[in-house]
Amino acid sequence: MSTYNEIDAHDLSVMLTTQSLLLVDVRNDDEVARGVIQNAVHIPLAMLPVQYESLAKADNIVFYCHSGVRSAHAAAFAASKGCKHVYNLAGGVLAWARAGHPFVQISTPSR
């Protein structure tokens, strides 16, 4: 059975500067509007089954959400579909902020 690894905010900070990775924010639109981790792509958890094939090409995938629960589900899903090197940010954006790391605003397309 494929699994994923838990990482903390420090681990993610190091990974962002030392290796190629796909950072996926699985929070809802209203949460993402408050800010994201630099270079993250937004795929709401409910949309992951529809969009997961685009993730399969990534060497390393890190999922995050508000507290780490939804992103753990996303990581387990991606791992079950055969994605390699899948990670979950333990504690989510709460842990990221607590560690003093910044957020950026993303522009959303007009609907």
C-alpha atoms as a PDB file:
ATOM      1  CA  MET A   1       0.000   0.000   0.000  1.00  0.00           C
ATOM      2  CA  SER A   2       1.328   3.434  -0.906  1.00  0.00           C
ATOM      3  CA  THR A   3       1.690   5.932   1.890  1.00  0.00           C
ATOM      4  CA  TYR A   4       2.704   9.514   2.456  1.00  0.00           C
ATOM      5  CA  ASN A   5       5.038  11.234   4.907  1.00  0.00           C
ATOM      6  CA  GLU A   6       4.251  13.918   7.472  1.00  0.00           C
ATOM      7  CA  ILE A   7       6.518  16.968   7.449  1.00  0.00           C
ATOM      8  CA  ASP A   8       6.609  20.017   9.676  1.00  0.00           C
ATOM      9  CA  ALA A   9       6.881  23.692   8.738  1.00  0.00           C
ATOM     10  CA  HIS A  10      10.675  23.676   9.050  1.00  0.00           C
ATOM     11  CA  ASP A  11      10.960  20.633   6.759  1.00  0.00           C
ATOM     12  CA  LEU A  12       8.740  22.321   4.173  1.00  0.00           C
ATOM     13  CA  SER A  13      10.758  25.531   4.347  1.00  0.00           C
ATOM     14  CA  VAL A  14      13.935  23.566   3.619  1.00  0.00           C
ATOM     15  CA  MET A  15      12.284  21.549   0.838  1.00  0.00           C
ATOM     16  CA  LEU A  16      11.077  24.729  -0.866  1.00  0.00           C
ATOM     17  CA  THR A  17      14.662  25.938  -1.196  1.00  0.00           C
ATOM     18  CA  THR A  18      16.438  22.665  -1.942  1.00  0.00           C
ATOM     19  CA  GLN A  19      14.262  20.625  -4.277  1.00  0.00           C
ATOM     20  CA  SER A  20      11.610  20.727  -6.926  1.00  0.00           C
ATOM     21  CA  LEU A  21       8.151  20.177  -5.508  1.00  0.00           C
ATOM     22  CA  LEU A  22       4.509  20.771  -6.205  1.00  0.00           C
ATOM     23  CA  LEU A  23       2.829  22.533  -3.293  1.00  0.00           C
ATOM     24  CA  VAL A  24      -0.948  22.008  -3.250  1.00  0.00           C
ATOM     25  CA  ASP A  25      -3.367  23.992  -1.084  1.00  0.00           C
ATOM     26  CA  VAL A  26      -6.557  21.938  -0.624  1.00  0.00           C
ATOM     27  CA  ARG A  27      -8.467  24.550   1.392  1.00  0.00           C
ATOM     28  CA  ASN A  28     -11.729  26.160   0.307  1.00  0.00           C
ATOM     29  CA  ASP A  29     -11.823  29.358  -1.764  1.00  0.00           C
ATOM     30  CA  ASP A  30     -12.635  31.579   1.236  1.00  0.00           C
ATOM     31  CA  GLU A  31      -9.637  30.235   3.157  1.00  0.00           C
ATOM     32  CA  VAL A  32      -7.271  30.662   0.201  1.00  0.00           C
ATOM     33  CA  ALA A  33      -8.437  34.274  -0.176  1.00  0.00           C
ATOM     34  CA  ARG A  34      -6.678  35.011   3.152  1.00  0.00           C
ATOM     35  CA  GLY A  35      -3.310  33.960   1.696  1.00  0.00           C
ATOM     36  CA  VAL A  36      -1.309  30.939   0.591  1.00  0.00           C
ATOM     37  CA  ILE A  37       2.213  29.632   0.935  1.00  0.00           C
ATOM     38  CA  GLN A  38       4.400  31.032  -1.879  1.00  0.00           C
ATOM     39  CA  ASN A  39       4.139  29.075  -5.169  1.00  0.00           C
ATOM     40  CA  ALA A  40       1.221  26.905  -4.058  1.00  0.00           C
ATOM     41  CA  VAL A  41      -1.452  25.804  -6.480  1.00  0.00           C
ATOM     42  CA  HIS A  42      -5.024  25.711  -5.254  1.00  0.00           C
ATOM     43  CA  ILE A  43      -7.008  22.517  -5.754  1.00  0.00           C
ATOM     44  CA  PRO A  44      -9.907  22.279  -3.298  1.00  0.00           C
ATOM     45  CA  LEU A  45     -10.086  18.845  -1.682  1.00  0.00           C
ATOM     46  CA  ALA A  46     -13.432  18.108  -3.343  1.00  0.00           C
ATOM     47  CA  MET A  47     -11.845  18.685  -6.772  1.00  0.00           C
ATOM     48  CA  LEU A  48      -8.830  16.459  -6.201  1.00  0.00           C
ATOM     49  CA  PRO A  49     -10.372  13.290  -7.708  1.00  0.00           C
ATOM     50  CA  VAL A  50     -11.061  15.247 -10.910  1.00  0.00           C
ATOM     51  CA  GLN A  51      -7.643  16.909 -11.116  1.00  0.00           C
ATOM     52  CA  TYR A  52      -5.248  14.355  -9.598  1.00  0.00           C
ATOM     53  CA  GLU A  53      -3.834  13.206 -12.947  1.00  0.00           C
ATOM     54  CA  SER A  54      -2.094  16.565 -13.324  1.00  0.00           C
ATOM     55  CA  LEU A  55      -0.258  15.826 -10.065  1.00  0.00           C
ATOM     56  CA  ALA A  56       1.154  12.456 -11.123  1.00  0.00           C
ATOM     57  CA  LYS A  57       4.012  14.066 -13.060  1.00  0.00           C
ATOM     58  CA  ALA A  58       5.458  15.834  -9.998  1.00  0.00           C
ATOM     59  CA  ASP A  59       8.522  14.354  -8.327  1.00  0.00           C
ATOM     60  CA  ASN A  60       7.507  15.603  -4.877  1.00  0.00           C
ATOM     61  CA  ILE A  61       4.019  16.704  -3.821  1.00  0.00           C
ATOM     62  CA  VAL A  62       3.236  18.506  -0.573  1.00  0.00           C
ATOM     63  CA  PHE A  63      -0.386  18.995   0.433  1.00  0.00           C
ATOM     64  CA  TYR A  64      -1.545  21.459   3.059  1.00  0.00           C
ATOM     65  CA  CYS A  65      -4.776  22.829   4.511  1.00  0.00           C
ATOM     66  CA  HIS A  66      -5.779  24.756   7.635  1.00  0.00           C
ATOM     67  CA  SER A  67      -4.752  22.212  10.278  1.00  0.00           C
ATOM     68  CA  GLY A  68      -3.445  19.189   8.361  1.00  0.00           C
ATOM     69  CA  VAL A  69      -6.546  16.979   8.419  1.00  0.00           C
ATOM     70  CA  ARG A  70      -7.910  17.585   4.908  1.00  0.00           C
ATOM     71  CA  SER A  71      -4.421  17.579   3.427  1.00  0.00           C
ATOM     72  CA  ALA A  72      -3.768  14.197   5.063  1.00  0.00           C
ATOM     73  CA  HIS A  73      -6.785  12.869   3.167  1.00  0.00           C
ATOM     74  CA  ALA A  74      -5.440  14.462  -0.031  1.00  0.00           C
ATOM     75  CA  ALA A  75      -1.989  12.944   0.525  1.00  0.00           C
ATOM     76  CA  ALA A  76      -3.467   9.494   1.176  1.00  0.00           C
ATOM     77  CA  PHE A  77      -5.570   9.793  -1.987  1.00  0.00           C
ATOM     78  CA  ALA A  78      -2.592  10.835  -4.146  1.00  0.00           C
ATOM     79  CA  ALA A  79      -0.441   8.047  -2.707  1.00  0.00           C
ATOM     80  CA  SER A  80      -3.202   5.504  -3.372  1.00  0.00           C
ATOM     81  CA  LYS A  81      -3.231   6.623  -7.020  1.00  0.00           C
ATOM     82  CA  GLY A  82       0.469   5.891  -7.363  1.00  0.00           C
ATOM     83  CA  CYS A  83       2.002   9.319  -6.801  1.00  0.00           C
ATOM     84  CA  LYS A  84       5.503   9.028  -5.364  1.00  0.00           C
ATOM     85  CA  HIS A  85       7.102  11.190  -2.677  1.00  0.00           C
ATOM     86  CA  VAL A  86       3.851  12.524  -1.221  1.00  0.00           C
ATOM     87  CA  TYR A  87       3.908  14.687   1.902  1.00  0.00           C
ATOM     88  CA  ASN A  88       1.395  16.278   4.260  1.00  0.00           C
ATOM     89  CA  LEU A  89       2.200  19.489   6.128  1.00  0.00           C
ATOM     90  CA  ALA A  90       1.398  18.529   9.713  1.00  0.00           C
ATOM     91  CA  GLY A  91      -0.512  21.328  11.397  1.00  0.00           C
ATOM     92  CA  GLY A  92      -1.279  23.037   8.077  1.00  0.00           C
ATOM     93  CA  VAL A  93      -1.159  26.807   7.741  1.00  0.00           C
ATOM     94  CA  LEU A  94      -1.583  27.116  11.498  1.00  0.00           C
ATOM     95  CA  ALA A  95       1.828  25.463  11.999  1.00  0.00           C
ATOM     96  CA  TRP A  96       3.323  27.426   9.083  1.00  0.00           C
ATOM     97  CA  ALA A  97       2.216  30.739  10.632  1.00  0.00           C
ATOM     98  CA  ARG A  98       3.269  29.677  14.145  1.00  0.00           C
ATOM     99  CA  ALA A  99       6.759  29.003  12.760  1.00  0.00           C
ATOM    100  CA  GLY A 100       6.851  32.593  11.453  1.00  0.00           C
ATOM    101  CA  HIS A 101       6.693  31.828   7.747  1.00  0.00           C
ATOM    102  CA  PRO A 102       4.905  34.252   5.380  1.00  0.00           C
ATOM    103  CA  PHE A 103       1.815  33.998   3.211  1.00  0.00           C
ATOM    104  CA  VAL A 104       1.132  35.650  -0.131  1.00  0.00           C
ATOM    105  CA  GLN A 105      -2.068  36.713  -1.799  1.00  0.00           C
ATOM    106  CA  ILE A 106      -3.047  34.979  -5.010  1.00  0.00           C
ATOM    107  CA  SER A 107      -5.066  36.544  -7.751  1.00  0.00           C
ATOM    108  CA  THR A 108      -8.208  34.649  -8.615  1.00  0.00           C
ATOM    109  CA  PRO A 109      -9.752  34.772 -12.074  1.00  0.00           C
ATOM    110  CA  SER A 110     -13.034  36.606 -12.459  1.00  0.00           C
ATOM    111  CA  ARG A 111     -16.037  34.374 -12.592  1.00  0.00           C
END
